[in-house]
N, C-alpha and C. Protein backbone atom coordinates (compact mmCIF):
# COMPACT_ATOMS: atom_id res chain seq x y z
N UNK A 1 -157.16 -101.17 -51.43
CA UNK A 1 -158.36 -100.85 -52.19
C UNK A 1 -157.97 -100.79 -53.66
N UNK A 2 -158.76 -101.42 -54.48
CA UNK A 2 -158.49 -101.44 -55.92
C UNK A 2 -158.79 -100.07 -56.53
N UNK A 3 -158.17 -99.83 -57.67
CA UNK A 3 -158.37 -98.56 -58.37
C UNK A 3 -159.84 -98.37 -58.75
N UNK A 4 -160.51 -99.41 -59.22
CA UNK A 4 -161.90 -99.28 -59.63
C UNK A 4 -162.80 -98.95 -58.44
N UNK A 5 -162.52 -99.56 -57.28
CA UNK A 5 -163.31 -99.26 -56.08
C UNK A 5 -163.07 -97.81 -55.65
N UNK A 6 -161.81 -97.38 -55.73
CA UNK A 6 -161.48 -96.01 -55.38
C UNK A 6 -162.19 -95.02 -56.30
N UNK A 7 -162.15 -95.28 -57.60
CA UNK A 7 -162.81 -94.38 -58.56
C UNK A 7 -164.31 -94.33 -58.35
N UNK A 8 -164.91 -95.49 -58.04
CA UNK A 8 -166.35 -95.52 -57.78
C UNK A 8 -166.67 -94.67 -56.56
N UNK A 9 -165.84 -94.74 -55.53
CA UNK A 9 -166.06 -93.92 -54.34
C UNK A 9 -165.95 -92.43 -54.67
N UNK A 10 -164.99 -92.08 -55.51
CA UNK A 10 -164.84 -90.68 -55.91
C UNK A 10 -166.09 -90.21 -56.64
N UNK A 11 -166.62 -91.03 -57.56
CA UNK A 11 -167.84 -90.68 -58.29
C UNK A 11 -169.00 -90.48 -57.33
N UNK A 12 -169.15 -91.39 -56.37
CA UNK A 12 -170.24 -91.27 -55.40
C UNK A 12 -170.07 -90.01 -54.56
N UNK A 13 -168.85 -89.72 -54.09
CA UNK A 13 -168.61 -88.54 -53.27
C UNK A 13 -168.92 -87.26 -54.05
N UNK A 14 -168.49 -87.20 -55.29
CA UNK A 14 -168.75 -86.02 -56.12
C UNK A 14 -170.26 -85.88 -56.36
N UNK A 15 -170.91 -86.98 -56.66
CA UNK A 15 -172.36 -86.94 -56.90
C UNK A 15 -173.11 -86.47 -55.66
N UNK A 16 -172.67 -86.95 -54.49
CA UNK A 16 -173.31 -86.54 -53.25
C UNK A 16 -173.11 -85.05 -53.02
N UNK A 17 -171.93 -84.54 -53.34
CA UNK A 17 -171.67 -83.12 -53.17
C UNK A 17 -172.55 -82.27 -54.08
N UNK A 18 -172.76 -82.72 -55.30
CA UNK A 18 -173.64 -82.01 -56.23
C UNK A 18 -175.06 -81.96 -55.67
N UNK A 19 -175.51 -83.05 -55.11
CA UNK A 19 -176.86 -83.10 -54.56
C UNK A 19 -177.03 -82.16 -53.38
N UNK A 20 -175.97 -81.90 -52.67
CA UNK A 20 -176.06 -81.04 -51.49
C UNK A 20 -176.56 -79.65 -51.81
N UNK A 21 -176.39 -79.22 -53.05
CA UNK A 21 -176.82 -77.87 -53.39
C UNK A 21 -178.10 -77.84 -54.20
N UNK A 22 -178.82 -78.97 -54.26
CA UNK A 22 -179.96 -78.95 -55.17
C UNK A 22 -181.30 -79.44 -54.64
N UNK A 23 -181.40 -79.92 -53.38
CA UNK A 23 -182.65 -80.55 -52.93
C UNK A 23 -183.18 -79.93 -51.65
N UNK A 24 -184.35 -80.43 -51.11
CA UNK A 24 -184.92 -79.90 -49.88
C UNK A 24 -185.58 -80.93 -48.98
N UNK A 25 -185.84 -80.58 -47.65
CA UNK A 25 -186.48 -81.47 -46.70
C UNK A 25 -186.17 -81.12 -45.27
N UNK A 26 -186.36 -82.06 -44.28
CA UNK A 26 -186.11 -81.73 -42.89
C UNK A 26 -185.92 -82.92 -41.99
N UNK A 27 -185.66 -82.64 -40.69
CA UNK A 27 -185.44 -83.65 -39.68
C UNK A 27 -185.40 -83.03 -38.31
N UNK A 28 -185.23 -83.87 -37.28
CA UNK A 28 -185.30 -83.38 -35.92
C UNK A 28 -183.95 -83.13 -35.25
N UNK A 29 -182.94 -83.93 -35.54
CA UNK A 29 -181.63 -83.77 -34.92
C UNK A 29 -180.55 -83.80 -35.99
N UNK A 30 -179.39 -83.21 -35.71
CA UNK A 30 -178.30 -83.30 -36.69
C UNK A 30 -177.94 -84.75 -37.00
N UNK A 31 -177.86 -85.57 -35.97
CA UNK A 31 -177.50 -86.97 -36.15
C UNK A 31 -178.54 -87.74 -36.94
N UNK A 32 -179.81 -87.49 -36.65
CA UNK A 32 -180.88 -88.18 -37.35
C UNK A 32 -180.92 -87.85 -38.83
N UNK A 33 -180.70 -86.57 -39.15
CA UNK A 33 -180.70 -86.14 -40.55
C UNK A 33 -179.50 -86.74 -41.29
N UNK A 34 -178.33 -86.73 -40.65
CA UNK A 34 -177.13 -87.28 -41.29
C UNK A 34 -177.29 -88.77 -41.57
N UNK A 35 -177.82 -89.51 -40.60
CA UNK A 35 -178.03 -90.95 -40.80
C UNK A 35 -179.09 -91.21 -41.87
N UNK A 36 -180.18 -90.45 -41.84
CA UNK A 36 -181.24 -90.63 -42.84
C UNK A 36 -180.69 -90.38 -44.24
N UNK A 37 -179.86 -89.35 -44.38
CA UNK A 37 -179.22 -89.01 -45.65
C UNK A 37 -178.42 -90.20 -46.17
N UNK A 38 -177.54 -90.74 -45.33
CA UNK A 38 -176.66 -91.83 -45.73
C UNK A 38 -177.48 -93.09 -46.08
N UNK A 39 -178.47 -93.40 -45.27
CA UNK A 39 -179.30 -94.57 -45.52
C UNK A 39 -180.13 -94.41 -46.79
N UNK A 40 -180.65 -93.21 -47.02
CA UNK A 40 -181.44 -92.94 -48.22
C UNK A 40 -180.58 -93.09 -49.47
N UNK A 41 -179.34 -92.61 -49.41
CA UNK A 41 -178.43 -92.76 -50.54
C UNK A 41 -178.18 -94.23 -50.84
N UNK A 42 -177.93 -95.01 -49.82
CA UNK A 42 -177.64 -96.44 -50.01
C UNK A 42 -178.83 -97.19 -50.61
N UNK A 43 -180.04 -96.74 -50.28
CA UNK A 43 -181.26 -97.36 -50.84
C UNK A 43 -181.60 -96.83 -52.23
N UNK A 44 -181.00 -95.71 -52.59
CA UNK A 44 -181.36 -95.07 -53.85
C UNK A 44 -182.71 -94.40 -53.77
N UNK A 45 -183.08 -93.95 -52.58
CA UNK A 45 -184.40 -93.37 -52.31
C UNK A 45 -184.37 -91.86 -52.57
N UNK A 46 -184.72 -91.48 -53.79
CA UNK A 46 -184.66 -90.08 -54.21
C UNK A 46 -185.52 -89.18 -53.32
N UNK A 47 -186.72 -89.61 -53.00
CA UNK A 47 -187.61 -88.78 -52.18
C UNK A 47 -187.02 -88.55 -50.79
N UNK A 48 -186.43 -89.58 -50.20
CA UNK A 48 -185.83 -89.43 -48.87
C UNK A 48 -184.59 -88.54 -48.93
N UNK A 49 -183.82 -88.65 -50.02
CA UNK A 49 -182.65 -87.78 -50.19
C UNK A 49 -183.13 -86.33 -50.22
N UNK A 50 -184.14 -86.06 -51.03
CA UNK A 50 -184.68 -84.69 -51.13
C UNK A 50 -185.22 -84.21 -49.78
N UNK A 51 -185.82 -85.10 -49.01
CA UNK A 51 -186.49 -84.71 -47.77
C UNK A 51 -185.54 -84.18 -46.71
N UNK A 52 -184.27 -84.49 -46.82
CA UNK A 52 -183.32 -84.02 -45.81
C UNK A 52 -182.37 -82.94 -46.32
N UNK A 53 -182.58 -82.47 -47.54
CA UNK A 53 -181.71 -81.45 -48.12
C UNK A 53 -182.22 -80.05 -47.78
N UNK A 54 -181.29 -79.15 -47.54
CA UNK A 54 -181.59 -77.77 -47.19
C UNK A 54 -182.35 -77.05 -48.30
N UNK A 55 -183.54 -76.52 -48.00
CA UNK A 55 -184.30 -75.79 -49.02
C UNK A 55 -183.58 -74.53 -49.51
N UNK A 56 -182.77 -73.91 -48.67
CA UNK A 56 -182.10 -72.67 -49.07
C UNK A 56 -180.97 -72.91 -50.06
N UNK A 57 -180.60 -74.15 -50.28
CA UNK A 57 -179.52 -74.44 -51.22
C UNK A 57 -180.01 -74.93 -52.57
N UNK A 58 -181.30 -74.88 -52.79
CA UNK A 58 -181.83 -75.27 -54.10
C UNK A 58 -181.54 -74.17 -55.10
N UNK A 59 -181.09 -74.57 -56.26
CA UNK A 59 -180.77 -73.58 -57.29
C UNK A 59 -181.44 -73.93 -58.61
N UNK A 60 -182.52 -74.68 -58.55
CA UNK A 60 -183.24 -75.04 -59.77
C UNK A 60 -182.82 -76.37 -60.35
N UNK A 61 -181.64 -76.85 -59.96
CA UNK A 61 -181.20 -78.16 -60.45
C UNK A 61 -181.70 -79.24 -59.50
N UNK A 62 -181.97 -80.39 -60.03
CA UNK A 62 -182.38 -81.51 -59.19
C UNK A 62 -181.59 -82.74 -59.61
N UNK A 63 -180.49 -82.94 -58.92
CA UNK A 63 -179.64 -84.08 -59.20
C UNK A 63 -179.88 -85.24 -58.24
N UNK A 64 -180.90 -85.14 -57.40
CA UNK A 64 -181.14 -86.16 -56.37
C UNK A 64 -181.33 -87.54 -56.97
N UNK A 65 -182.04 -87.64 -58.08
CA UNK A 65 -182.28 -88.95 -58.68
C UNK A 65 -180.98 -89.58 -59.17
N UNK A 66 -180.15 -88.80 -59.82
CA UNK A 66 -178.87 -89.31 -60.32
C UNK A 66 -177.97 -89.71 -59.16
N UNK A 67 -177.91 -88.85 -58.14
CA UNK A 67 -177.06 -89.12 -56.98
C UNK A 67 -177.54 -90.37 -56.25
N UNK A 68 -178.84 -90.46 -56.01
CA UNK A 68 -179.39 -91.62 -55.30
C UNK A 68 -179.15 -92.90 -56.10
N UNK A 69 -179.32 -92.84 -57.40
CA UNK A 69 -179.11 -94.01 -58.24
C UNK A 69 -177.65 -94.46 -58.22
N UNK A 70 -176.74 -93.50 -58.33
CA UNK A 70 -175.30 -93.81 -58.30
C UNK A 70 -174.90 -94.40 -56.96
N UNK A 71 -175.39 -93.78 -55.88
CA UNK A 71 -175.07 -94.27 -54.54
C UNK A 71 -175.65 -95.67 -54.31
N UNK A 72 -176.84 -95.91 -54.84
CA UNK A 72 -177.46 -97.23 -54.69
C UNK A 72 -176.62 -98.29 -55.40
N UNK A 73 -176.14 -97.99 -56.59
CA UNK A 73 -175.30 -98.93 -57.33
C UNK A 73 -174.01 -99.22 -56.57
N UNK A 74 -173.43 -98.19 -55.97
CA UNK A 74 -172.22 -98.38 -55.16
C UNK A 74 -172.53 -99.30 -53.98
N UNK A 75 -173.62 -99.00 -53.27
CA UNK A 75 -174.00 -99.81 -52.11
C UNK A 75 -174.26 -101.26 -52.52
N UNK A 76 -174.91 -101.44 -53.66
CA UNK A 76 -175.19 -102.79 -54.16
C UNK A 76 -173.89 -103.52 -54.46
N UNK A 77 -172.94 -102.83 -55.09
CA UNK A 77 -171.65 -103.45 -55.41
C UNK A 77 -170.88 -103.82 -54.15
N UNK A 78 -171.15 -103.12 -53.06
CA UNK A 78 -170.48 -103.38 -51.78
C UNK A 78 -171.29 -104.33 -50.90
N UNK A 79 -172.31 -104.98 -51.48
CA UNK A 79 -173.10 -105.96 -50.74
C UNK A 79 -174.22 -105.36 -49.91
N UNK A 80 -174.46 -104.08 -50.07
CA UNK A 80 -175.50 -103.40 -49.31
C UNK A 80 -174.93 -102.74 -48.07
N UNK A 81 -175.73 -101.86 -47.50
CA UNK A 81 -175.33 -101.14 -46.30
C UNK A 81 -175.46 -102.06 -45.09
N UNK A 82 -174.41 -102.15 -44.31
CA UNK A 82 -174.43 -102.94 -43.09
C UNK A 82 -174.92 -102.10 -41.92
N UNK A 83 -174.27 -100.95 -41.70
CA UNK A 83 -174.71 -100.06 -40.64
C UNK A 83 -174.15 -98.65 -40.80
N UNK A 84 -174.86 -97.71 -40.18
CA UNK A 84 -174.43 -96.32 -40.09
C UNK A 84 -174.47 -95.96 -38.62
N UNK A 85 -173.33 -95.51 -38.10
CA UNK A 85 -173.24 -95.17 -36.68
C UNK A 85 -172.70 -93.76 -36.53
N UNK A 86 -173.30 -92.99 -35.64
CA UNK A 86 -172.79 -91.65 -35.36
C UNK A 86 -171.55 -91.79 -34.48
N UNK A 87 -170.46 -91.19 -34.93
CA UNK A 87 -169.21 -91.21 -34.18
C UNK A 87 -169.12 -89.99 -33.27
N UNK A 88 -169.40 -88.81 -33.85
CA UNK A 88 -169.40 -87.59 -33.05
C UNK A 88 -170.15 -86.49 -33.79
N UNK A 89 -170.55 -85.50 -33.04
CA UNK A 89 -171.19 -84.31 -33.59
C UNK A 89 -170.48 -83.09 -33.05
N UNK A 90 -170.07 -82.20 -33.95
CA UNK A 90 -169.43 -80.95 -33.57
C UNK A 90 -170.35 -79.81 -33.98
N UNK A 91 -170.96 -79.17 -32.99
CA UNK A 91 -171.86 -78.05 -33.28
C UNK A 91 -171.07 -76.76 -33.44
N UNK A 92 -171.56 -75.94 -34.36
CA UNK A 92 -171.01 -74.62 -34.60
C UNK A 92 -172.16 -73.65 -34.38
N UNK A 93 -172.35 -73.25 -33.12
CA UNK A 93 -173.49 -72.41 -32.77
C UNK A 93 -174.75 -73.27 -32.65
N UNK A 94 -175.89 -72.60 -32.79
CA UNK A 94 -177.17 -73.30 -32.64
C UNK A 94 -177.74 -73.81 -33.96
N UNK A 95 -177.12 -73.42 -35.10
CA UNK A 95 -177.75 -73.74 -36.37
C UNK A 95 -176.84 -74.43 -37.38
N UNK A 96 -175.70 -74.97 -36.95
CA UNK A 96 -174.82 -75.68 -37.86
C UNK A 96 -174.06 -76.75 -37.08
N UNK A 97 -173.83 -77.89 -37.74
CA UNK A 97 -173.07 -78.97 -37.09
C UNK A 97 -172.43 -79.85 -38.15
N UNK A 98 -171.35 -80.52 -37.74
CA UNK A 98 -170.73 -81.53 -38.57
C UNK A 98 -170.90 -82.85 -37.84
N UNK A 99 -171.54 -83.79 -38.52
CA UNK A 99 -171.79 -85.10 -37.95
C UNK A 99 -170.85 -86.10 -38.62
N UNK A 100 -170.04 -86.75 -37.81
CA UNK A 100 -169.13 -87.77 -38.32
C UNK A 100 -169.80 -89.12 -38.16
N UNK A 101 -169.91 -89.83 -39.28
CA UNK A 101 -170.55 -91.14 -39.30
C UNK A 101 -169.53 -92.23 -39.62
N UNK A 102 -169.77 -93.40 -39.07
CA UNK A 102 -169.06 -94.60 -39.46
C UNK A 102 -170.02 -95.36 -40.36
N UNK A 103 -169.63 -95.57 -41.62
CA UNK A 103 -170.50 -96.21 -42.60
C UNK A 103 -169.84 -97.51 -43.05
N UNK A 104 -170.52 -98.61 -42.82
CA UNK A 104 -169.97 -99.93 -43.14
C UNK A 104 -170.86 -100.62 -44.17
N UNK A 105 -170.23 -101.08 -45.25
CA UNK A 105 -170.92 -101.89 -46.25
C UNK A 105 -170.55 -103.35 -46.02
N UNK A 106 -171.43 -104.24 -46.39
CA UNK A 106 -171.27 -105.66 -46.07
C UNK A 106 -170.01 -106.30 -46.65
N UNK A 107 -169.57 -105.87 -47.81
CA UNK A 107 -168.39 -106.47 -48.43
C UNK A 107 -167.08 -105.81 -48.01
N UNK A 108 -167.16 -104.81 -47.17
CA UNK A 108 -165.95 -104.13 -46.73
C UNK A 108 -165.49 -104.67 -45.38
N UNK A 109 -164.17 -104.76 -45.22
CA UNK A 109 -163.62 -105.23 -43.95
C UNK A 109 -163.73 -104.17 -42.88
N UNK A 110 -163.61 -102.90 -43.28
CA UNK A 110 -163.65 -101.80 -42.33
C UNK A 110 -164.66 -100.75 -42.76
N UNK A 111 -165.16 -100.03 -41.76
CA UNK A 111 -166.11 -98.95 -42.02
C UNK A 111 -165.38 -97.73 -42.56
N UNK A 112 -166.09 -96.93 -43.34
CA UNK A 112 -165.58 -95.65 -43.83
C UNK A 112 -166.07 -94.54 -42.90
N UNK A 113 -165.33 -93.46 -42.86
CA UNK A 113 -165.74 -92.28 -42.09
C UNK A 113 -166.30 -91.26 -43.07
N UNK A 114 -167.50 -90.78 -42.78
CA UNK A 114 -168.17 -89.79 -43.61
C UNK A 114 -168.55 -88.61 -42.71
N UNK A 115 -168.24 -87.40 -43.15
CA UNK A 115 -168.62 -86.20 -42.40
C UNK A 115 -169.73 -85.49 -43.18
N UNK A 116 -170.85 -85.26 -42.49
CA UNK A 116 -172.01 -84.62 -43.10
C UNK A 116 -172.25 -83.29 -42.39
N UNK A 117 -172.28 -82.21 -43.14
CA UNK A 117 -172.58 -80.89 -42.57
C UNK A 117 -174.08 -80.68 -42.62
N UNK A 118 -174.64 -80.29 -41.48
CA UNK A 118 -176.08 -80.04 -41.39
C UNK A 118 -176.32 -78.63 -40.87
N UNK A 119 -177.46 -78.07 -41.26
CA UNK A 119 -177.84 -76.72 -40.83
C UNK A 119 -179.28 -76.74 -40.34
N UNK A 120 -179.58 -75.82 -39.45
CA UNK A 120 -180.93 -75.69 -38.92
C UNK A 120 -181.59 -74.50 -39.60
N UNK A 121 -182.74 -74.76 -40.24
CA UNK A 121 -183.50 -73.72 -40.91
C UNK A 121 -184.96 -73.82 -40.48
N UNK A 122 -185.48 -72.72 -40.01
CA UNK A 122 -186.88 -72.65 -39.57
C UNK A 122 -187.20 -73.78 -38.59
N UNK A 123 -186.26 -74.05 -37.68
CA UNK A 123 -186.49 -75.02 -36.63
C UNK A 123 -186.24 -76.47 -36.99
N UNK A 124 -185.81 -76.76 -38.22
CA UNK A 124 -185.56 -78.13 -38.65
C UNK A 124 -184.11 -78.27 -39.14
N UNK A 125 -183.57 -79.47 -38.95
CA UNK A 125 -182.22 -79.78 -39.42
C UNK A 125 -182.25 -80.36 -40.81
N UNK A 126 -181.29 -79.93 -41.66
CA UNK A 126 -181.17 -80.36 -43.04
C UNK A 126 -179.71 -80.60 -43.38
N UNK A 127 -179.45 -81.44 -44.38
CA UNK A 127 -178.10 -81.58 -44.92
C UNK A 127 -177.80 -80.31 -45.69
N UNK A 128 -176.62 -79.73 -45.43
CA UNK A 128 -176.24 -78.45 -46.03
C UNK A 128 -175.59 -78.65 -47.38
N UNK A 129 -175.52 -77.59 -48.16
CA UNK A 129 -174.84 -77.61 -49.45
C UNK A 129 -173.48 -77.00 -49.38
């Protein structure tokens, strides 16, 4: 992996982490929310990114637009999103889980592994901060 590709991935990862503490939304399953999150990022879909973020982690900042835009540029540079597949889900009680995804971009030879932490709030699953 080239240094520029590595640095771009670091920027995307940091941006995604910032977004984890600033947006809100919901979903039905840990796996569904994690996949929707990853797909929304690749599309640069700010509204969809917000829709799966935990409402309890909002702190007045809204970085979803910046994060979605950065992630979309990364996905575009990698030829677009090829697929997102759930590898495994590790539940921690009834209201928290870590979903491991296999994320493949079209220009990459191999898929990346992404772990998304999700929480259940008021009966719905959200990406945690």
